[in-house]
Amino acid sequence: MVVVAFGIAARIAKGAIKRVREEGLKVGLFRPITLWPFPSKALKELAKKVKHFFVFEMNMGQMVEDVRLALDGSGEVHFYGRPGGVILTPLEISRVISSYYYQKKL
């Protein structure tokens, strides 16, 4: 599974990924440096090896559409976000990742 996140959400996701890796889950991070132009080619290349993508954002999911367009059906995309200034925590994100990971039996 690959977590796609940018900005502060990527930093939080990095902490969550560290936690779930300690549990033995195979999870990585894709962190776009810029959102325009969106790094579609790099994400599409990654989809040759990975089929599950989790988009974490601190908004209503503006980037999730870019991820879906970039993957063009070559991966399963899920979204978790929270707008309004409420900061996500690594523990919260790690729980979401673990839940999905075990649910899909990856």
Protein backbone atom coordinates (compact mmCIF):
# COMPACT_ATOMS: atom_id res chain seq x y z
CA MET A 1 0.00 0.00 0.00
CA VAL A 2 1.13 3.55 -0.70
CA VAL A 3 0.00 6.61 1.22
CA VAL A 4 -0.25 9.74 -0.92
CA ALA A 5 0.00 12.99 1.06
CA PHE A 6 1.44 16.48 0.72
CA GLY A 7 2.47 19.28 3.04
CA ILE A 8 1.85 18.85 6.75
CA ALA A 9 -0.33 15.78 6.10
CA ALA A 10 2.71 14.05 4.55
CA ARG A 11 4.78 14.71 7.65
CA ILE A 12 2.03 13.25 9.85
CA ALA A 13 1.60 10.30 7.47
CA LYS A 14 5.34 9.61 7.69
CA GLY A 15 4.98 9.07 11.46
CA ALA A 16 1.96 6.82 10.91
CA ILE A 17 3.81 4.77 8.31
CA LYS A 18 6.70 4.28 10.71
CA ARG A 19 4.24 2.87 13.28
CA VAL A 20 2.56 0.43 10.89
CA ARG A 21 5.89 -0.74 9.47
CA GLU A 22 6.90 -1.66 13.02
CA GLU A 23 3.82 -3.92 13.00
CA GLY A 24 5.08 -5.57 9.81
CA LEU A 25 2.79 -3.85 7.30
CA LYS A 26 4.24 -3.03 3.90
CA VAL A 27 3.34 0.63 3.46
CA GLY A 28 5.17 3.44 1.67
CA LEU A 29 4.77 7.18 1.13
CA PHE A 30 4.38 9.15 -2.09
CA ARG A 31 4.81 12.85 -1.34
CA PRO A 32 4.31 15.24 -4.25
CA ILE A 33 6.54 18.29 -3.98
CA THR A 34 4.16 20.32 -6.14
CA LEU A 35 0.53 19.72 -7.01
CA TRP A 36 0.71 21.64 -10.28
CA PRO A 37 1.72 20.08 -12.46
CA PHE A 38 0.69 16.93 -10.64
CA PRO A 39 3.37 14.18 -10.79
CA SER A 40 1.07 11.78 -12.68
CA LYS A 41 3.85 9.94 -14.49
CA ALA A 42 5.70 9.03 -11.27
CA LEU A 43 2.49 7.83 -9.61
CA LYS A 44 1.53 5.77 -12.68
CA GLU A 45 4.98 4.13 -12.59
CA LEU A 46 4.46 3.25 -8.93
CA ALA A 47 1.10 1.65 -9.82
CA LYS A 48 3.01 -1.03 -11.76
CA LYS A 49 4.13 -2.45 -8.39
CA VAL A 50 1.39 -1.30 -5.99
CA LYS A 51 -2.38 -1.60 -6.33
CA HIS A 52 -3.68 0.10 -3.17
CA PHE A 53 -3.36 3.85 -2.60
CA PHE A 54 -4.57 5.83 0.41
CA VAL A 55 -4.83 9.61 0.01
CA PHE A 56 -4.56 11.59 3.26
CA GLU A 57 -5.39 15.29 3.16
CA MET A 58 -6.18 18.06 5.57
CA ASN A 59 -9.04 19.22 3.36
CA MET A 60 -12.07 17.80 1.54
CA GLY A 61 -10.15 15.70 -0.97
CA GLN A 62 -9.01 18.03 -3.70
CA MET A 63 -5.94 15.88 -4.43
CA VAL A 64 -7.77 12.55 -4.46
CA GLU A 65 -9.21 13.37 -7.88
CA ASP A 66 -5.71 14.06 -9.23
CA VAL A 67 -4.57 10.69 -7.89
CA ARG A 68 -7.53 8.88 -9.51
CA LEU A 69 -6.88 10.62 -12.82
CA ALA A 70 -3.16 9.81 -12.68
CA LEU A 71 -3.77 6.13 -11.94
CA ASP A 72 -6.50 5.84 -14.58
CA GLY A 73 -7.97 2.72 -12.97
CA SER A 74 -4.64 0.98 -12.40
CA GLY A 75 -4.98 1.12 -8.63
CA GLU A 76 -7.58 1.19 -5.88
CA VAL A 77 -7.80 4.68 -4.34
CA HIS A 78 -9.19 5.51 -0.90
CA PHE A 79 -9.45 8.83 0.88
CA TYR A 80 -9.22 10.01 4.47
CA GLY A 81 -9.21 13.67 5.33
CA ARG A 82 -10.31 16.27 7.78
CA PRO A 83 -10.93 19.95 7.00
CA GLY A 84 -11.44 22.88 9.31
CA GLY A 85 -8.09 23.11 11.06
CA VAL A 86 -8.36 19.87 13.04
CA ILE A 87 -4.93 18.27 12.81
CA LEU A 88 -4.70 14.57 12.03
CA THR A 89 -2.39 12.54 14.27
CA PRO A 90 0.01 9.76 13.31
CA LEU A 91 -1.86 7.41 15.67
CA GLU A 92 -5.19 8.16 13.97
CA ILE A 93 -3.75 7.65 10.50
CA SER A 94 -1.94 4.46 11.51
CA ARG A 95 -5.24 3.04 12.79
CA VAL A 96 -6.94 3.85 9.47
CA ILE A 97 -4.07 2.28 7.50
CA SER A 98 -4.02 -0.86 9.68
CA SER A 99 -7.79 -1.26 9.49
CA TYR A 100 -7.82 -1.06 5.71
CA TYR A 101 -4.70 -3.22 5.37
CA TYR A 102 -6.14 -6.07 7.42
CA GLN A 103 -9.61 -5.67 5.89
CA LYS A 104 -8.14 -6.17 2.40
CA LYS A 105 -5.71 -8.85 3.68
CA LEU A 106 -2.75 -7.25 1.89
